[in-house]
Amino acid sequence: HEIALLNKIGRRRRLAPGETLLWEGDEAVFVANVVSGVLKLSTQKSDGREQILGLAYPSDFLGRPFGETSPYGVEALTDSHICVFERRDFERFAREHPRLEHKLLERTLGELDRTRRWMLLLGRMTAEQKLASFLLEMADRLGTSEADGSTTVLLPLSRQQIADILGLTVETVSRQLTQLRAKGIITLSSRREIRIDMIEELQD
């Protein structure tokens, strides 16, 4: 109910791949809800390099309500549709609808947990563990469960994009996918479609 009301005060916007929605450190003029597509959240390190903080999927929230500046940059990785709200309108609406404020808090805490997992993923893991974690996250957020117990994921990203996100080379990503396929853990149906046949093994 609150989301339906909220969508009335928002405006739809389409983003092309590579288009930036928010710049880190800019004044937080608006917040947004992801309707479709995948976007990346990133920050600039002191040496000028980009640090990817995570990905945003449909129904995720972007920006910082009740904050003065954007805590990260947001760029579309795929064709994306978002619903944009002026931050002041949004804050007023949230104060008038306590249930929405509660939902937002839950989402923020969920985002925090995901960011912590992401930092762990990029920090201490081997290439195999990074890719396995990435596939599990994709399965969780974008996967379709099949009757035989497998999960099909239509990857919205190219192998080069996956490599960039995970801090690997594209050759390493391809090699790891081939090894997971050789073990019978995944089936590569096409360039973009992956079927996870043995999810417990992937979790291991």
Protein backbone atom coordinates (compact mmCIF):
# COMPACT_ATOMS: atom_id res chain seq x y z
CA HIS A 1 0.00 0.00 0.00
CA GLU A 2 2.73 2.49 0.99
CA ILE A 3 4.81 1.54 -2.05
CA ALA A 4 1.83 2.19 -4.37
CA LEU A 5 1.30 5.62 -2.76
CA LEU A 6 5.02 6.29 -2.95
CA ASN A 7 5.14 5.48 -6.67
CA LYS A 8 2.63 8.28 -7.25
CA ILE A 9 5.09 10.91 -6.00
CA GLY A 10 8.00 9.38 -7.96
CA ARG A 11 8.86 9.71 -11.63
CA ARG A 12 10.07 6.90 -13.84
CA ARG A 13 13.46 7.20 -15.47
CA ARG A 14 15.38 4.94 -17.84
CA LEU A 15 19.14 4.53 -17.63
CA ALA A 16 21.33 3.17 -20.42
CA PRO A 17 24.32 0.93 -19.58
CA GLY A 18 27.20 3.09 -18.33
CA GLU A 19 24.94 6.00 -17.36
CA THR A 20 25.56 7.49 -13.91
CA LEU A 21 22.60 8.13 -11.61
CA LEU A 22 24.38 9.42 -8.50
CA TRP A 23 27.87 10.84 -8.00
CA GLU A 24 29.62 10.10 -4.72
CA GLY A 25 29.81 13.15 -2.44
CA ASP A 26 27.24 15.20 -4.39
CA GLU A 27 24.33 16.78 -2.58
CA ALA A 28 21.65 14.11 -2.05
CA VAL A 29 18.83 15.74 -4.01
CA PHE A 30 16.90 12.55 -4.68
CA VAL A 31 16.57 8.88 -3.80
CA ALA A 32 15.41 6.07 -6.09
CA ASN A 33 13.90 2.60 -6.18
CA VAL A 34 15.18 0.08 -8.76
CA VAL A 35 12.32 -1.22 -10.95
CA SER A 36 14.41 -3.31 -13.37
CA GLY A 37 18.06 -3.78 -14.27
CA VAL A 38 21.33 -4.05 -12.33
CA LEU A 39 23.40 -1.10 -11.14
CA LYS A 40 26.77 -0.89 -9.40
CA LEU A 41 27.57 1.08 -6.27
CA SER A 42 31.12 2.36 -6.06
CA THR A 43 33.47 4.75 -4.30
CA GLN A 44 36.77 6.33 -5.35
CA LYS A 45 39.83 5.19 -3.40
CA SER A 46 42.52 7.70 -2.39
CA ASP A 47 44.72 6.56 -5.32
CA GLY A 48 41.89 7.35 -7.76
CA ARG A 49 40.91 3.76 -8.43
CA GLU A 50 37.32 2.59 -8.18
CA GLN A 51 36.20 0.32 -5.33
CA ILE A 52 32.94 -1.50 -6.09
CA LEU A 53 30.76 -1.66 -2.97
CA GLY A 54 28.11 -3.98 -4.39
CA LEU A 55 25.28 -4.31 -6.88
CA ALA A 56 21.70 -3.05 -6.78
CA TYR A 57 18.85 -5.20 -8.12
CA PRO A 58 15.10 -4.70 -8.66
CA SER A 59 13.30 -3.49 -5.49
CA ASP A 60 16.59 -2.21 -3.99
CA PHE A 61 16.78 1.35 -2.77
CA LEU A 62 19.42 3.86 -3.93
CA GLY A 63 20.65 7.02 -2.26
CA ARG A 64 20.48 8.11 1.32
CA PRO A 65 17.18 9.37 2.71
CA PHE A 66 17.78 11.78 5.61
CA GLY A 67 21.42 12.27 4.52
CA GLU A 68 23.00 15.40 3.04
CA THR A 69 25.33 13.81 0.48
CA SER A 70 25.39 10.64 -1.63
CA PRO A 71 27.55 8.01 0.12
CA TYR A 72 28.48 6.27 -3.16
CA GLY A 73 28.32 6.60 -6.91
CA VAL A 74 25.65 4.64 -8.81
CA GLU A 75 26.05 3.55 -12.44
CA ALA A 76 23.77 1.37 -14.56
CA LEU A 77 25.42 -1.87 -15.76
CA THR A 78 22.41 -2.86 -17.88
CA ASP A 79 19.34 -1.13 -19.30
CA SER A 80 17.60 -0.08 -16.08
CA HIS A 81 14.35 1.53 -15.01
CA ILE A 82 14.18 3.40 -11.74
CA CYS A 83 11.59 5.40 -9.84
CA VAL A 84 13.08 8.70 -8.64
CA PHE A 85 11.84 10.75 -5.66
CA GLU A 86 12.86 14.25 -4.59
CA ARG A 87 14.53 13.63 -1.24
CA ARG A 88 12.47 16.26 0.62
CA ASP A 89 9.17 14.87 -0.74
CA PHE A 90 10.31 11.39 0.16
CA GLU A 91 11.32 12.33 3.71
CA ARG A 92 8.02 14.09 4.32
CA PHE A 93 6.13 11.05 2.98
CA ALA A 94 8.17 8.67 5.16
CA ARG A 95 7.47 10.70 8.30
CA GLU A 96 3.74 10.57 7.55
CA HIS A 97 3.83 6.79 7.01
CA PRO A 98 5.67 5.11 9.93
CA ARG A 99 5.31 1.64 8.37
CA LEU A 100 7.31 2.80 5.35
CA GLU A 101 9.98 4.24 7.65
CA HIS A 102 10.20 0.84 9.35
CA LYS A 103 10.51 -0.94 5.97
CA LEU A 104 13.27 1.45 4.96
CA LEU A 105 15.19 0.69 8.15
CA GLU A 106 14.91 -3.05 7.41
CA ARG A 107 16.17 -2.46 3.87
CA THR A 108 19.07 -0.33 5.08
CA LEU A 109 20.14 -3.03 7.55
CA GLY A 110 19.85 -5.65 4.78
CA GLU A 111 22.00 -3.48 2.52
CA LEU A 112 24.58 -3.17 5.29
CA ASP A 113 24.74 -6.96 5.68
CA ARG A 114 25.14 -7.38 1.91
CA THR A 115 27.91 -4.76 1.81
CA ARG A 116 29.77 -6.54 4.62
CA ARG A 117 29.49 -9.85 2.73
CA TRP A 118 30.69 -8.12 -0.43
CA MET A 119 33.76 -6.66 1.32
CA LEU A 120 34.58 -10.13 2.63
CA LEU A 121 34.10 -11.58 -0.85
CA LEU A 122 36.51 -9.13 -2.47
CA GLY A 123 39.01 -9.07 0.37
CA ARG A 124 40.00 -12.57 1.37
CA MET A 125 38.71 -14.99 -1.23
CA THR A 126 40.35 -16.97 -4.00
CA ALA A 127 39.17 -16.48 -7.59
CA GLU A 128 37.07 -19.66 -7.32
CA GLN A 129 35.41 -18.46 -4.09
CA LYS A 130 34.75 -14.99 -5.54
CA LEU A 131 32.98 -16.42 -8.58
CA ALA A 132 31.03 -18.97 -6.51
CA SER A 133 29.86 -16.19 -4.15
CA PHE A 134 28.92 -14.00 -7.10
CA LEU A 135 26.86 -16.80 -8.72
CA LEU A 136 25.11 -17.52 -5.40
CA GLU A 137 24.17 -13.85 -5.05
CA MET A 138 22.89 -13.78 -8.65
CA ALA A 139 20.87 -16.97 -8.01
CA ASP A 140 19.42 -15.45 -4.84
CA ARG A 141 18.44 -12.14 -6.45
CA LEU A 142 17.71 -13.06 -10.09
CA GLY A 143 17.42 -16.86 -10.23
CA THR A 144 14.47 -18.98 -11.36
CA SER A 145 13.94 -22.29 -9.54
CA GLU A 146 13.38 -25.26 -11.87
CA ALA A 147 11.28 -28.38 -11.19
CA ASP A 148 14.42 -30.56 -10.99
CA GLY A 149 15.84 -28.47 -8.11
CA SER A 150 18.31 -26.53 -10.24
CA THR A 151 18.34 -22.71 -10.50
CA THR A 152 18.59 -20.84 -13.80
CA VAL A 153 20.22 -17.41 -13.88
CA LEU A 154 20.14 -15.09 -16.90
CA LEU A 155 23.30 -13.08 -16.30
CA PRO A 156 22.66 -9.38 -16.93
CA LEU A 157 26.40 -8.76 -17.19
CA SER A 158 29.15 -9.65 -19.63
CA ARG A 159 32.13 -11.71 -18.50
CA GLN A 160 34.27 -8.59 -18.71
CA GLN A 161 31.88 -6.75 -16.36
CA ILE A 162 31.91 -9.70 -13.94
CA ALA A 163 35.72 -9.69 -14.03
CA ASP A 164 35.82 -5.93 -13.30
CA ILE A 165 33.38 -6.27 -10.40
CA LEU A 166 35.31 -9.16 -8.83
CA GLY A 167 38.75 -7.69 -9.44
CA LEU A 168 39.75 -10.59 -11.74
CA THR A 169 40.81 -10.88 -15.37
CA VAL A 170 38.24 -12.04 -17.93
CA GLU A 171 40.45 -15.09 -18.63
CA THR A 172 40.29 -16.07 -14.95
CA VAL A 173 36.49 -15.74 -14.92
CA SER A 174 36.19 -17.95 -18.03
CA ARG A 175 38.63 -20.51 -16.57
CA GLN A 176 36.72 -20.68 -13.27
CA LEU A 177 33.38 -21.11 -15.08
CA THR A 178 34.89 -23.93 -17.14
CA GLN A 179 36.17 -25.65 -13.97
CA LEU A 180 32.76 -25.36 -12.25
CA ARG A 181 31.19 -26.85 -15.38
CA ALA A 182 33.74 -29.71 -15.44
CA LYS A 183 32.80 -30.54 -11.83
CA GLY A 184 29.12 -30.72 -12.83
CA ILE A 185 28.21 -27.83 -10.51
CA ILE A 186 26.93 -25.58 -13.32
CA THR A 187 25.73 -25.92 -16.90
CA LEU A 188 26.57 -23.10 -19.32
CA SER A 189 23.46 -23.06 -21.51
CA SER A 190 24.61 -19.97 -23.45
CA ARG A 191 26.92 -16.94 -23.02
CA ARG A 192 24.44 -15.36 -20.60
CA GLU A 193 22.45 -18.28 -19.20
CA ILE A 194 23.85 -20.40 -16.37
CA ARG A 195 22.08 -23.27 -14.67
CA ILE A 196 23.26 -24.08 -11.15
CA ASP A 197 22.80 -27.84 -10.80
CA MET A 198 24.54 -28.39 -7.45
CA ILE A 199 23.85 -25.40 -5.22
CA GLU A 200 25.21 -27.05 -2.02
CA GLU A 201 28.52 -27.75 -3.75
CA LEU A 202 28.65 -24.12 -4.91
CA GLN A 203 28.01 -23.01 -1.31
CA ASP A 204 30.80 -25.33 -0.10
